[in-house]
N, C-alpha and C. Protein backbone atom coordinates (compact mmCIF):
# COMPACT_ATOMS: atom_id res chain seq x y z
N MET A 1 11.34 6.28 -39.66
CA MET A 1 12.69 6.01 -39.18
C MET A 1 12.76 6.10 -37.65
N ILE A 2 12.19 7.19 -37.07
CA ILE A 2 12.23 7.36 -35.63
C ILE A 2 11.50 6.21 -34.93
N ALA A 3 10.31 5.83 -35.50
CA ALA A 3 9.55 4.75 -34.88
C ALA A 3 10.34 3.46 -34.89
N SER A 4 11.04 3.19 -36.02
CA SER A 4 11.82 1.95 -36.09
C SER A 4 13.01 1.98 -35.13
N LEU A 5 13.57 3.16 -34.87
CA LEU A 5 14.66 3.26 -33.93
C LEU A 5 14.18 3.00 -32.50
N LEU A 6 12.92 3.40 -32.20
CA LEU A 6 12.39 3.20 -30.86
C LEU A 6 12.04 1.74 -30.60
N VAL A 7 11.69 1.02 -31.63
CA VAL A 7 11.28 -0.39 -31.45
C VAL A 7 12.39 -1.21 -30.87
N ILE A 8 13.63 -0.95 -31.31
CA ILE A 8 14.74 -1.79 -30.89
C ILE A 8 15.01 -1.68 -29.39
N PRO A 9 15.17 -0.45 -28.83
CA PRO A 9 15.39 -0.40 -27.36
C PRO A 9 14.22 -0.88 -26.57
N LEU A 10 12.99 -0.64 -27.03
CA LEU A 10 11.82 -1.13 -26.31
C LEU A 10 11.77 -2.65 -26.30
N THR A 11 12.13 -3.26 -27.44
CA THR A 11 12.16 -4.72 -27.52
C THR A 11 13.21 -5.28 -26.60
N LEU A 12 14.39 -4.63 -26.60
CA LEU A 12 15.45 -5.10 -25.72
C LEU A 12 15.05 -4.98 -24.26
N LEU A 13 14.35 -3.86 -23.93
CA LEU A 13 13.90 -3.68 -22.56
C LEU A 13 12.97 -4.79 -22.15
N GLY A 14 12.04 -5.15 -23.05
CA GLY A 14 11.11 -6.22 -22.74
C GLY A 14 11.82 -7.55 -22.55
N MET A 15 12.83 -7.81 -23.38
CA MET A 15 13.59 -9.06 -23.25
C MET A 15 14.36 -9.09 -21.93
N GLN A 16 14.96 -7.96 -21.58
CA GLN A 16 15.68 -7.91 -20.30
C GLN A 16 14.76 -8.12 -19.12
N GLN A 17 13.58 -7.54 -19.21
CA GLN A 17 12.62 -7.70 -18.12
C GLN A 17 12.19 -9.16 -18.00
N GLN A 18 11.93 -9.80 -19.15
CA GLN A 18 11.52 -11.20 -19.12
C GLN A 18 12.62 -12.07 -18.54
N ASP A 19 13.87 -11.78 -18.91
CA ASP A 19 14.98 -12.56 -18.36
C ASP A 19 15.07 -12.39 -16.83
N SER A 20 14.85 -11.15 -16.36
CA SER A 20 14.90 -10.90 -14.92
C SER A 20 13.77 -11.65 -14.19
N ILE A 21 12.59 -11.60 -14.76
CA ILE A 21 11.45 -12.29 -14.14
C ILE A 21 11.68 -13.79 -14.14
N ALA A 22 12.18 -14.31 -15.27
CA ALA A 22 12.46 -15.75 -15.36
C ALA A 22 13.48 -16.19 -14.34
N ALA A 23 14.49 -15.35 -14.11
CA ALA A 23 15.53 -15.69 -13.13
C ALA A 23 14.95 -15.78 -11.73
N ARG A 24 14.05 -14.87 -11.40
CA ARG A 24 13.44 -14.87 -10.07
C ARG A 24 12.56 -16.08 -9.82
N MET A 25 11.96 -16.60 -10.87
CA MET A 25 11.04 -17.72 -10.71
C MET A 25 11.66 -19.07 -11.03
N ALA A 26 12.90 -19.08 -11.48
CA ALA A 26 13.54 -20.32 -11.91
C ALA A 26 13.57 -21.33 -10.76
N GLY A 27 13.04 -22.51 -11.02
CA GLY A 27 13.01 -23.58 -10.05
C GLY A 27 11.98 -23.43 -8.97
N ARG A 28 11.18 -22.37 -9.01
CA ARG A 28 10.19 -22.11 -7.97
C ARG A 28 8.76 -22.23 -8.47
N VAL A 29 8.56 -22.15 -9.77
CA VAL A 29 7.23 -22.33 -10.34
C VAL A 29 7.39 -23.20 -11.60
N THR A 30 6.28 -23.72 -12.07
CA THR A 30 6.33 -24.53 -13.28
C THR A 30 6.66 -23.68 -14.50
N PRO A 31 7.22 -24.28 -15.55
CA PRO A 31 7.52 -23.51 -16.77
C PRO A 31 6.28 -22.82 -17.34
N GLU A 32 5.13 -23.50 -17.29
CA GLU A 32 3.90 -22.93 -17.82
C GLU A 32 3.50 -21.67 -17.03
N LEU A 33 3.61 -21.77 -15.71
CA LEU A 33 3.24 -20.61 -14.88
C LEU A 33 4.25 -19.48 -15.07
N ALA A 34 5.52 -19.81 -15.22
CA ALA A 34 6.54 -18.80 -15.45
C ALA A 34 6.25 -18.03 -16.74
N THR A 35 5.85 -18.76 -17.77
CA THR A 35 5.53 -18.12 -19.06
C THR A 35 4.36 -17.16 -18.91
N LEU A 36 3.31 -17.61 -18.17
CA LEU A 36 2.15 -16.74 -17.95
C LEU A 36 2.54 -15.48 -17.21
N VAL A 37 3.32 -15.63 -16.16
CA VAL A 37 3.73 -14.47 -15.36
C VAL A 37 4.56 -13.49 -16.19
N GLN A 38 5.42 -14.04 -17.02
CA GLN A 38 6.23 -13.18 -17.89
C GLN A 38 5.34 -12.37 -18.82
N GLN A 39 4.36 -13.03 -19.42
CA GLN A 39 3.45 -12.33 -20.35
C GLN A 39 2.66 -11.26 -19.64
N LEU A 40 2.08 -11.60 -18.49
CA LEU A 40 1.30 -10.63 -17.75
C LEU A 40 2.16 -9.49 -17.23
N SER A 41 3.37 -9.79 -16.82
CA SER A 41 4.27 -8.75 -16.27
C SER A 41 4.67 -7.75 -17.31
N VAL A 42 5.02 -8.24 -18.51
CA VAL A 42 5.42 -7.32 -19.58
C VAL A 42 4.26 -6.40 -19.94
N ALA A 43 3.06 -6.99 -20.04
CA ALA A 43 1.89 -6.20 -20.36
C ALA A 43 1.59 -5.19 -19.26
N ALA A 44 1.71 -5.62 -18.01
CA ALA A 44 1.45 -4.73 -16.87
C ALA A 44 2.44 -3.58 -16.83
N SER A 45 3.72 -3.90 -17.06
CA SER A 45 4.76 -2.88 -17.05
C SER A 45 4.52 -1.84 -18.13
N ALA A 46 4.04 -2.30 -19.27
CA ALA A 46 3.75 -1.35 -20.36
C ALA A 46 2.64 -0.38 -20.00
N ARG A 47 1.78 -0.77 -19.05
CA ARG A 47 0.69 0.11 -18.60
C ARG A 47 1.07 0.88 -17.33
N GLY A 48 2.34 0.79 -16.93
CA GLY A 48 2.80 1.52 -15.77
C GLY A 48 2.47 0.84 -14.46
N LEU A 49 2.18 -0.46 -14.48
CA LEU A 49 1.81 -1.18 -13.29
C LEU A 49 3.01 -1.93 -12.73
N PRO A 50 3.01 -2.20 -11.42
CA PRO A 50 4.11 -2.98 -10.83
C PRO A 50 3.97 -4.45 -11.20
N VAL A 51 5.08 -5.15 -11.23
CA VAL A 51 5.07 -6.57 -11.59
C VAL A 51 5.36 -7.46 -10.40
N ASP A 52 5.93 -6.92 -9.33
CA ASP A 52 6.26 -7.74 -8.17
C ASP A 52 5.09 -8.49 -7.59
N PRO A 53 3.88 -7.88 -7.47
CA PRO A 53 2.75 -8.63 -6.94
C PRO A 53 2.41 -9.88 -7.75
N LEU A 54 2.62 -9.81 -9.05
CA LEU A 54 2.35 -10.99 -9.89
C LEU A 54 3.34 -12.09 -9.62
N ILE A 55 4.61 -11.72 -9.54
CA ILE A 55 5.67 -12.72 -9.29
C ILE A 55 5.48 -13.31 -7.92
N GLN A 56 5.22 -12.47 -6.93
CA GLN A 56 5.07 -12.96 -5.55
C GLN A 56 3.89 -13.89 -5.43
N LYS A 57 2.77 -13.61 -6.09
CA LYS A 57 1.61 -14.46 -6.03
C LYS A 57 1.93 -15.82 -6.62
N ALA A 58 2.64 -15.85 -7.74
CA ALA A 58 2.98 -17.11 -8.37
C ALA A 58 3.89 -17.95 -7.48
N ILE A 59 4.90 -17.29 -6.91
CA ILE A 59 5.84 -18.02 -6.05
C ILE A 59 5.17 -18.49 -4.78
N GLU A 60 4.34 -17.65 -4.20
CA GLU A 60 3.64 -18.00 -2.95
C GLU A 60 2.71 -19.20 -3.15
N GLY A 61 1.90 -19.16 -4.23
CA GLY A 61 0.99 -20.25 -4.48
C GLY A 61 1.69 -21.55 -4.75
N SER A 62 2.78 -21.48 -5.54
CA SER A 62 3.54 -22.70 -5.85
C SER A 62 4.18 -23.28 -4.59
N ALA A 63 4.73 -22.39 -3.72
CA ALA A 63 5.37 -22.87 -2.49
C ALA A 63 4.39 -23.59 -1.58
N LYS A 64 3.12 -23.20 -1.65
CA LYS A 64 2.09 -23.82 -0.80
C LYS A 64 1.52 -25.08 -1.43
N GLY A 65 1.98 -25.41 -2.62
CA GLY A 65 1.48 -26.61 -3.28
C GLY A 65 0.11 -26.48 -3.91
N VAL A 66 -0.32 -25.25 -4.18
CA VAL A 66 -1.61 -25.02 -4.80
C VAL A 66 -1.53 -25.49 -6.26
N PRO A 67 -2.58 -26.16 -6.75
CA PRO A 67 -2.56 -26.61 -8.16
C PRO A 67 -2.27 -25.46 -9.12
N GLY A 68 -1.56 -25.77 -10.19
CA GLY A 68 -1.10 -24.75 -11.12
C GLY A 68 -2.20 -23.91 -11.71
N GLU A 69 -3.34 -24.53 -12.06
CA GLU A 69 -4.40 -23.75 -12.66
C GLU A 69 -5.01 -22.74 -11.70
N ARG A 70 -5.02 -23.12 -10.40
CA ARG A 70 -5.53 -22.16 -9.40
C ARG A 70 -4.54 -21.01 -9.18
N VAL A 71 -3.24 -21.30 -9.21
CA VAL A 71 -2.25 -20.25 -9.08
C VAL A 71 -2.34 -19.33 -10.27
N ALA A 72 -2.50 -19.89 -11.45
CA ALA A 72 -2.60 -19.07 -12.66
C ALA A 72 -3.81 -18.13 -12.58
N ALA A 73 -4.94 -18.67 -12.09
CA ALA A 73 -6.14 -17.84 -11.94
C ALA A 73 -5.90 -16.73 -10.93
N ALA A 74 -5.17 -17.05 -9.87
CA ALA A 74 -4.89 -16.03 -8.83
C ALA A 74 -3.99 -14.93 -9.39
N VAL A 75 -3.02 -15.30 -10.19
CA VAL A 75 -2.12 -14.31 -10.80
C VAL A 75 -2.88 -13.40 -11.75
N ARG A 76 -3.78 -13.98 -12.52
CA ARG A 76 -4.60 -13.16 -13.44
C ARG A 76 -5.48 -12.21 -12.62
N TRP A 77 -6.00 -12.67 -11.51
CA TRP A 77 -6.83 -11.83 -10.67
C TRP A 77 -6.04 -10.66 -10.07
N VAL A 78 -4.80 -10.91 -9.67
CA VAL A 78 -3.93 -9.84 -9.17
C VAL A 78 -3.71 -8.80 -10.28
N ALA A 79 -3.52 -9.25 -11.52
CA ALA A 79 -3.32 -8.31 -12.63
C ALA A 79 -4.55 -7.42 -12.79
N MET A 80 -5.74 -7.98 -12.61
CA MET A 80 -6.96 -7.18 -12.73
C MET A 80 -7.05 -6.19 -11.57
N GLN A 81 -6.65 -6.63 -10.36
CA GLN A 81 -6.71 -5.74 -9.22
C GLN A 81 -5.71 -4.61 -9.35
N LEU A 82 -4.58 -4.84 -9.97
CA LEU A 82 -3.61 -3.77 -10.18
C LEU A 82 -4.20 -2.71 -11.11
N ASP A 83 -4.89 -3.15 -12.15
CA ASP A 83 -5.56 -2.19 -13.03
C ASP A 83 -6.63 -1.41 -12.27
N THR A 84 -7.40 -2.11 -11.44
CA THR A 84 -8.44 -1.46 -10.66
C THR A 84 -7.83 -0.42 -9.71
N SER A 85 -6.74 -0.80 -9.06
CA SER A 85 -6.06 0.12 -8.13
C SER A 85 -5.59 1.37 -8.86
N ALA A 86 -4.95 1.19 -10.01
CA ALA A 86 -4.43 2.36 -10.74
C ALA A 86 -5.56 3.28 -11.18
N ALA A 87 -6.67 2.70 -11.66
CA ALA A 87 -7.79 3.50 -12.10
C ALA A 87 -8.42 4.24 -10.93
N ALA A 88 -8.54 3.60 -9.77
CA ALA A 88 -9.13 4.23 -8.62
C ALA A 88 -8.28 5.37 -8.11
N LEU A 89 -6.96 5.18 -8.15
CA LEU A 89 -6.06 6.26 -7.71
C LEU A 89 -6.11 7.44 -8.66
N ARG A 90 -6.17 7.17 -9.96
CA ARG A 90 -6.30 8.27 -10.92
C ARG A 90 -7.61 9.02 -10.71
N GLU A 91 -8.67 8.29 -10.39
CA GLU A 91 -9.96 8.92 -10.10
C GLU A 91 -9.84 9.87 -8.90
N GLY A 92 -8.96 9.51 -7.97
CA GLY A 92 -8.77 10.36 -6.80
C GLY A 92 -7.77 11.48 -7.01
N GLY A 93 -7.28 11.62 -8.25
CA GLY A 93 -6.37 12.70 -8.56
C GLY A 93 -4.91 12.42 -8.23
N VAL A 94 -4.56 11.16 -8.05
CA VAL A 94 -3.18 10.82 -7.70
C VAL A 94 -2.44 10.37 -8.96
N ALA A 95 -1.30 10.99 -9.19
CA ALA A 95 -0.43 10.55 -10.29
C ALA A 95 0.31 9.32 -9.76
N THR A 96 -0.16 8.18 -10.18
CA THR A 96 0.26 6.94 -9.56
C THR A 96 1.68 6.53 -9.90
N ASP A 97 2.32 5.88 -8.93
CA ASP A 97 3.58 5.19 -9.19
C ASP A 97 3.38 3.75 -8.76
N THR A 98 4.34 2.91 -9.03
CA THR A 98 4.15 1.47 -8.82
C THR A 98 3.96 1.12 -7.34
N LEU A 99 4.61 1.84 -6.43
CA LEU A 99 4.47 1.55 -5.01
C LEU A 99 3.06 1.83 -4.53
N VAL A 100 2.49 2.94 -4.93
CA VAL A 100 1.11 3.29 -4.54
C VAL A 100 0.13 2.31 -5.15
N ILE A 101 0.34 1.94 -6.42
CA ILE A 101 -0.58 1.00 -7.08
C ILE A 101 -0.53 -0.35 -6.39
N ALA A 102 0.67 -0.82 -6.04
CA ALA A 102 0.80 -2.09 -5.33
C ALA A 102 0.09 -2.07 -3.97
N ALA A 103 0.22 -0.92 -3.28
CA ALA A 103 -0.44 -0.78 -1.98
C ALA A 103 -1.96 -0.80 -2.16
N GLY A 104 -2.45 -0.17 -3.22
CA GLY A 104 -3.88 -0.19 -3.50
C GLY A 104 -4.36 -1.60 -3.81
N GLU A 105 -3.56 -2.34 -4.57
CA GLU A 105 -3.91 -3.74 -4.87
C GLU A 105 -3.98 -4.58 -3.60
N PHE A 106 -3.04 -4.34 -2.68
CA PHE A 106 -3.06 -5.05 -1.41
C PHE A 106 -4.34 -4.76 -0.65
N ALA A 107 -4.72 -3.49 -0.63
CA ALA A 107 -5.95 -3.12 0.08
C ALA A 107 -7.19 -3.74 -0.57
N ILE A 108 -7.23 -3.76 -1.90
CA ILE A 108 -8.34 -4.37 -2.61
C ILE A 108 -8.41 -5.87 -2.32
N SER A 109 -7.27 -6.53 -2.33
CA SER A 109 -7.23 -7.97 -2.09
C SER A 109 -7.70 -8.29 -0.68
N ALA A 110 -7.55 -7.31 0.24
CA ALA A 110 -8.00 -7.51 1.63
C ALA A 110 -9.48 -7.26 1.80
N GLY A 111 -10.14 -6.71 0.76
CA GLY A 111 -11.59 -6.52 0.86
C GLY A 111 -12.09 -5.12 0.62
N LEU A 112 -11.21 -4.16 0.41
CA LEU A 112 -11.68 -2.80 0.14
C LEU A 112 -12.06 -2.66 -1.33
N SER A 113 -12.84 -1.64 -1.64
CA SER A 113 -13.32 -1.44 -3.01
C SER A 113 -12.54 -0.35 -3.71
N ASN A 114 -12.76 -0.22 -5.00
CA ASN A 114 -12.10 0.86 -5.76
C ASN A 114 -12.55 2.23 -5.23
N HIS A 115 -13.81 2.35 -4.78
CA HIS A 115 -14.27 3.61 -4.20
C HIS A 115 -13.52 3.95 -2.92
N ASP A 116 -13.18 2.93 -2.11
CA ASP A 116 -12.40 3.16 -0.90
C ASP A 116 -11.01 3.70 -1.26
N ILE A 117 -10.40 3.11 -2.28
CA ILE A 117 -9.08 3.55 -2.70
C ILE A 117 -9.14 5.00 -3.17
N THR A 118 -10.16 5.34 -3.94
CA THR A 118 -10.33 6.71 -4.42
C THR A 118 -10.51 7.68 -3.26
N ALA A 119 -11.28 7.27 -2.26
CA ALA A 119 -11.51 8.14 -1.10
C ALA A 119 -10.21 8.45 -0.39
N LEU A 120 -9.35 7.47 -0.23
CA LEU A 120 -8.06 7.72 0.43
C LEU A 120 -7.16 8.58 -0.45
N ALA A 121 -7.23 8.37 -1.76
CA ALA A 121 -6.43 9.18 -2.68
C ALA A 121 -6.82 10.65 -2.59
N ARG A 122 -8.08 10.93 -2.31
CA ARG A 122 -8.57 12.30 -2.28
C ARG A 122 -8.22 13.04 -0.99
N THR A 123 -7.54 12.38 -0.07
CA THR A 123 -7.14 13.06 1.17
C THR A 123 -6.02 14.06 0.95
N GLY A 124 -5.37 14.00 -0.22
CA GLY A 124 -4.28 14.92 -0.49
C GLY A 124 -2.97 14.54 0.15
N ALA A 125 -2.89 13.31 0.66
CA ALA A 125 -1.66 12.85 1.31
C ALA A 125 -0.55 12.69 0.27
N SER A 126 0.68 12.77 0.72
CA SER A 126 1.81 12.53 -0.18
C SER A 126 1.82 11.08 -0.63
N ALA A 127 2.54 10.80 -1.70
CA ALA A 127 2.58 9.42 -2.22
C ALA A 127 3.09 8.46 -1.21
N SER A 128 4.12 8.84 -0.44
CA SER A 128 4.68 7.92 0.56
C SER A 128 3.69 7.66 1.67
N SER A 129 3.01 8.72 2.14
CA SER A 129 2.00 8.53 3.22
C SER A 129 0.82 7.74 2.73
N LEU A 130 0.37 8.00 1.48
CA LEU A 130 -0.75 7.25 0.93
C LEU A 130 -0.41 5.79 0.77
N THR A 131 0.81 5.49 0.38
CA THR A 131 1.23 4.10 0.27
C THR A 131 1.10 3.39 1.60
N VAL A 132 1.58 4.01 2.67
CA VAL A 132 1.48 3.42 3.99
C VAL A 132 0.01 3.33 4.42
N GLY A 133 -0.76 4.40 4.16
CA GLY A 133 -2.17 4.41 4.54
C GLY A 133 -2.96 3.30 3.86
N LEU A 134 -2.69 3.05 2.60
CA LEU A 134 -3.38 1.97 1.87
C LEU A 134 -3.05 0.60 2.46
N ARG A 135 -1.80 0.41 2.80
CA ARG A 135 -1.42 -0.88 3.38
C ARG A 135 -2.01 -1.06 4.78
N VAL A 136 -2.05 0.01 5.55
CA VAL A 136 -2.66 -0.08 6.87
C VAL A 136 -4.16 -0.33 6.73
N ALA A 137 -4.82 0.34 5.78
CA ALA A 137 -6.24 0.12 5.54
C ALA A 137 -6.51 -1.34 5.14
N GLY A 138 -5.62 -1.90 4.33
CA GLY A 138 -5.77 -3.30 3.95
C GLY A 138 -5.62 -4.22 5.15
N THR A 139 -4.68 -3.89 6.01
CA THR A 139 -4.51 -4.69 7.24
C THR A 139 -5.72 -4.62 8.12
N LEU A 140 -6.32 -3.42 8.26
CA LEU A 140 -7.53 -3.28 9.09
C LEU A 140 -8.69 -4.06 8.48
N ALA A 141 -8.80 -4.03 7.14
CA ALA A 141 -9.86 -4.80 6.49
C ALA A 141 -9.70 -6.29 6.79
N ALA A 142 -8.47 -6.79 6.76
CA ALA A 142 -8.22 -8.19 7.07
C ALA A 142 -8.53 -8.50 8.53
N MET A 143 -8.48 -7.48 9.41
CA MET A 143 -8.81 -7.68 10.82
C MET A 143 -10.30 -7.60 11.07
N GLY A 144 -11.07 -7.30 10.02
CA GLY A 144 -12.53 -7.27 10.17
C GLY A 144 -13.12 -5.90 10.41
N VAL A 145 -12.33 -4.84 10.24
CA VAL A 145 -12.85 -3.48 10.39
C VAL A 145 -13.69 -3.16 9.17
N PRO A 146 -14.97 -2.78 9.34
CA PRO A 146 -15.81 -2.46 8.19
C PRO A 146 -15.27 -1.28 7.39
N SER A 147 -15.63 -1.24 6.12
CA SER A 147 -15.09 -0.24 5.20
C SER A 147 -15.31 1.19 5.69
N ALA A 148 -16.52 1.50 6.14
CA ALA A 148 -16.84 2.89 6.52
C ALA A 148 -15.91 3.36 7.64
N GLU A 149 -15.80 2.56 8.71
CA GLU A 149 -14.97 2.95 9.84
C GLU A 149 -13.47 2.90 9.46
N ASN A 150 -13.11 1.97 8.65
CA ASN A 150 -11.72 1.83 8.18
C ASN A 150 -11.29 3.08 7.40
N ILE A 151 -12.04 3.42 6.38
CA ILE A 151 -11.68 4.57 5.54
C ILE A 151 -11.82 5.87 6.32
N GLY A 152 -12.80 5.96 7.22
CA GLY A 152 -12.93 7.15 8.04
C GLY A 152 -11.72 7.36 8.91
N LEU A 153 -11.22 6.30 9.53
CA LEU A 153 -10.05 6.42 10.41
C LEU A 153 -8.80 6.77 9.61
N ILE A 154 -8.53 6.04 8.53
CA ILE A 154 -7.29 6.28 7.78
C ILE A 154 -7.36 7.64 7.07
N SER A 155 -8.52 8.02 6.57
CA SER A 155 -8.63 9.35 5.96
C SER A 155 -8.31 10.46 6.95
N THR A 156 -8.84 10.33 8.16
CA THR A 156 -8.57 11.33 9.19
C THR A 156 -7.09 11.40 9.51
N LYS A 157 -6.46 10.24 9.63
CA LYS A 157 -5.04 10.18 9.92
C LYS A 157 -4.23 10.84 8.80
N LEU A 158 -4.59 10.52 7.54
CA LEU A 158 -3.85 11.06 6.40
C LEU A 158 -4.02 12.58 6.29
N ARG A 159 -5.25 13.05 6.48
CA ARG A 159 -5.49 14.49 6.37
C ARG A 159 -4.77 15.28 7.47
N SER A 160 -4.58 14.66 8.61
CA SER A 160 -3.91 15.36 9.70
C SER A 160 -2.39 15.36 9.52
N GLY A 161 -1.90 14.68 8.48
CA GLY A 161 -0.47 14.68 8.22
C GLY A 161 0.31 13.81 9.19
N GLN A 162 -0.30 12.77 9.71
CA GLN A 162 0.42 11.92 10.65
C GLN A 162 1.60 11.25 9.97
N PRO A 163 2.73 11.16 10.66
CA PRO A 163 3.91 10.50 10.06
C PRO A 163 3.65 9.00 9.88
N ALA A 164 4.45 8.41 8.99
CA ALA A 164 4.25 6.99 8.67
C ALA A 164 4.38 6.10 9.91
N ASP A 165 5.27 6.44 10.83
CA ASP A 165 5.43 5.61 12.03
C ASP A 165 4.15 5.56 12.85
N ASP A 166 3.43 6.69 12.91
CA ASP A 166 2.16 6.69 13.65
C ASP A 166 1.08 5.90 12.91
N LEU A 167 1.06 6.01 11.59
CA LEU A 167 0.10 5.22 10.82
C LEU A 167 0.31 3.74 11.03
N LEU A 168 1.56 3.33 11.08
CA LEU A 168 1.87 1.91 11.24
C LEU A 168 1.43 1.35 12.58
N LEU A 169 1.20 2.24 13.54
CA LEU A 169 0.76 1.80 14.88
C LEU A 169 -0.75 1.56 14.92
N VAL A 170 -1.49 1.99 13.92
CA VAL A 170 -2.96 1.91 13.95
C VAL A 170 -3.48 0.50 14.13
N PRO A 171 -3.01 -0.50 13.37
CA PRO A 171 -3.54 -1.85 13.59
C PRO A 171 -3.35 -2.35 15.01
N ALA A 172 -2.20 -2.05 15.62
CA ALA A 172 -1.96 -2.50 17.00
C ALA A 172 -2.89 -1.76 17.96
N ASN A 173 -3.17 -0.47 17.67
CA ASN A 173 -4.10 0.27 18.52
C ASN A 173 -5.51 -0.28 18.41
N VAL A 174 -5.90 -0.63 17.18
CA VAL A 174 -7.23 -1.22 16.99
C VAL A 174 -7.30 -2.55 17.74
N GLN A 175 -6.25 -3.34 17.60
CA GLN A 175 -6.22 -4.65 18.27
C GLN A 175 -6.32 -4.52 19.78
N ALA A 176 -5.67 -3.49 20.31
CA ALA A 176 -5.72 -3.26 21.76
C ALA A 176 -7.13 -2.93 22.21
N GLU A 177 -7.86 -2.12 21.41
CA GLU A 177 -9.26 -1.81 21.76
C GLU A 177 -10.15 -3.03 21.67
N ILE A 178 -9.87 -3.88 20.68
CA ILE A 178 -10.65 -5.11 20.52
C ILE A 178 -10.43 -6.01 21.74
N ALA A 179 -9.19 -6.05 22.20
CA ALA A 179 -8.87 -6.86 23.38
C ALA A 179 -9.60 -6.37 24.62
N ARG A 180 -9.95 -5.09 24.62
CA ARG A 180 -10.69 -4.55 25.77
C ARG A 180 -12.20 -4.75 25.63
N GLY A 181 -12.62 -5.37 24.56
CA GLY A 181 -14.03 -5.71 24.41
C GLY A 181 -14.76 -4.98 23.29
N ALA A 182 -14.10 -4.06 22.59
CA ALA A 182 -14.75 -3.33 21.51
C ALA A 182 -14.83 -4.20 20.27
N THR A 183 -15.81 -3.94 19.44
CA THR A 183 -15.86 -4.59 18.13
C THR A 183 -14.85 -3.89 17.22
N PRO A 184 -14.46 -4.52 16.11
CA PRO A 184 -13.54 -3.84 15.20
C PRO A 184 -14.07 -2.48 14.75
N ALA A 185 -15.37 -2.39 14.46
CA ALA A 185 -15.97 -1.13 14.06
C ALA A 185 -15.89 -0.09 15.15
N GLN A 186 -16.21 -0.50 16.39
CA GLN A 186 -16.18 0.43 17.52
C GLN A 186 -14.73 0.93 17.77
N ALA A 187 -13.80 0.00 17.67
CA ALA A 187 -12.40 0.35 17.92
C ALA A 187 -11.93 1.39 16.91
N ALA A 188 -12.23 1.18 15.62
CA ALA A 188 -11.79 2.12 14.59
C ALA A 188 -12.49 3.46 14.74
N ALA A 189 -13.80 3.43 15.05
CA ALA A 189 -14.56 4.68 15.20
C ALA A 189 -14.05 5.48 16.38
N GLY A 190 -13.71 4.82 17.45
CA GLY A 190 -13.17 5.53 18.63
C GLY A 190 -11.82 6.16 18.32
N LEU A 191 -10.97 5.44 17.62
CA LEU A 191 -9.67 6.00 17.25
C LEU A 191 -9.82 7.16 16.26
N GLU A 192 -10.82 7.05 15.38
CA GLU A 192 -11.08 8.16 14.44
C GLU A 192 -11.48 9.41 15.20
N ARG A 193 -12.39 9.27 16.21
CA ARG A 193 -12.80 10.44 17.00
C ARG A 193 -11.62 11.06 17.72
N ALA A 194 -10.77 10.23 18.24
CA ALA A 194 -9.60 10.74 18.96
C ALA A 194 -8.66 11.46 18.01
N ALA A 195 -8.47 10.90 16.82
CA ALA A 195 -7.58 11.53 15.83
C ALA A 195 -8.15 12.86 15.35
N ALA A 196 -9.48 12.90 15.17
CA ALA A 196 -10.13 14.16 14.72
C ALA A 196 -10.01 15.23 15.82
N ALA A 197 -10.18 14.82 17.05
CA ALA A 197 -10.07 15.78 18.16
C ALA A 197 -8.64 16.30 18.27
N GLN A 198 -7.67 15.43 18.08
CA GLN A 198 -6.28 15.85 18.13
C GLN A 198 -5.97 16.82 16.98
N ALA A 199 -6.54 16.54 15.79
CA ALA A 199 -6.30 17.41 14.64
C ALA A 199 -6.89 18.79 14.91
N ARG A 200 -8.05 18.86 15.58
CA ARG A 200 -8.66 20.16 15.88
C ARG A 200 -7.81 20.94 16.87
N ARG A 201 -7.22 20.23 17.81
CA ARG A 201 -6.40 20.92 18.83
C ARG A 201 -5.06 21.33 18.25
N GLY A 202 -4.60 20.62 17.27
CA GLY A 202 -3.28 20.91 16.70
C GLY A 202 -2.21 20.25 17.50
N PRO A 203 -0.96 20.39 17.07
CA PRO A 203 0.15 19.77 17.80
C PRO A 203 0.32 20.42 19.17
N PRO A 204 0.83 19.65 20.11
CA PRO A 204 1.03 20.21 21.45
C PRO A 204 2.02 21.38 21.37
N PRO A 205 1.81 22.39 22.24
CA PRO A 205 2.72 23.55 22.20
C PRO A 205 4.14 23.18 22.58
N VAL A 206 5.05 23.83 21.95
CA VAL A 206 6.46 23.60 22.26
C VAL A 206 6.92 24.70 23.21
N HIS A 207 7.30 24.31 24.39
CA HIS A 207 7.73 25.27 25.39
C HIS A 207 9.20 25.62 25.15
N PRO A 208 9.52 26.94 25.13
CA PRO A 208 10.93 27.30 24.91
C PRO A 208 11.81 26.82 26.05
N THR A 209 12.98 26.43 25.68
CA THR A 209 13.92 25.99 26.69
C THR A 209 14.83 27.15 27.02
N HIS A 210 15.08 27.36 28.29
CA HIS A 210 15.96 28.44 28.72
C HIS A 210 17.35 27.91 28.99
N PRO A 211 18.35 28.69 28.62
CA PRO A 211 19.71 28.21 28.93
C PRO A 211 19.93 28.12 30.41
N PRO A 212 20.75 27.18 30.81
CA PRO A 212 20.99 27.02 32.26
C PRO A 212 21.65 28.27 32.85
N HIS A 213 21.35 28.50 34.14
CA HIS A 213 21.97 29.66 34.80
C HIS A 213 23.44 29.41 34.95
N PRO A 214 24.22 30.47 34.74
CA PRO A 214 25.68 30.28 34.93
C PRO A 214 25.96 29.95 36.37
N PRO A 215 27.03 29.19 36.60
CA PRO A 215 27.33 28.85 38.00
C PRO A 215 27.69 30.07 38.81
N ALA A 216 27.33 30.01 40.08
CA ALA A 216 27.62 31.15 40.97
C ALA A 216 29.12 31.25 41.14
N PRO A 217 29.62 32.47 41.22
CA PRO A 217 31.07 32.61 41.42
C PRO A 217 31.51 32.05 42.75
N ALA A 218 32.69 31.52 42.79
CA ALA A 218 33.20 30.93 44.06
C ALA A 218 33.49 32.03 45.03
N HIS A 219 33.20 31.74 46.31
CA HIS A 219 33.47 32.71 47.37
C HIS A 219 34.98 32.81 47.56
N PRO A 220 35.45 34.06 47.77
CA PRO A 220 36.91 34.19 48.03
C PRO A 220 37.28 33.60 49.35
């Protein structure tokens, strides 16, 4: 009886999700592709995976005029990468949520491996910081930074507890070093050394502020 009672809300949830996905893709992808994305999305959601990357890939490919079969293959590939991301994060001891998994998929699609994702997960960073770190690592991979230097730099940043705003500046800092003549690997390695040195020194000391002197009394 309990099992039969659970089937109804779960079925309704799946139908509502399919309706929502169909609405987002209406008029933007072919009916065949929309059906595929719906099927993959429902299955992904049941495994705790995000569905937005699947929908976005389908819409993006269709908007660019890519043949339907190629878009379908790309969507299936994204579904596999989402599974890979989730497994790699679990291997690193992270209780995954959809935002972190999507960030891991982004990094994998940019050229990082499941081992790289696990290494970043093992830094002990918070879920929000890890999400940003994974996306920054993916951006660095797309810029040509090799995996070793990439993961070394982002791991150091995450372990030092750098705020998200600082992490988001890393690609621009790497680009600035490249503009000065460094290779992507050299740029990332140099920034990693600087970050490690800063972590050893700790945050700059905060000097106490003294209240202003009271004004001198007026002369009679």
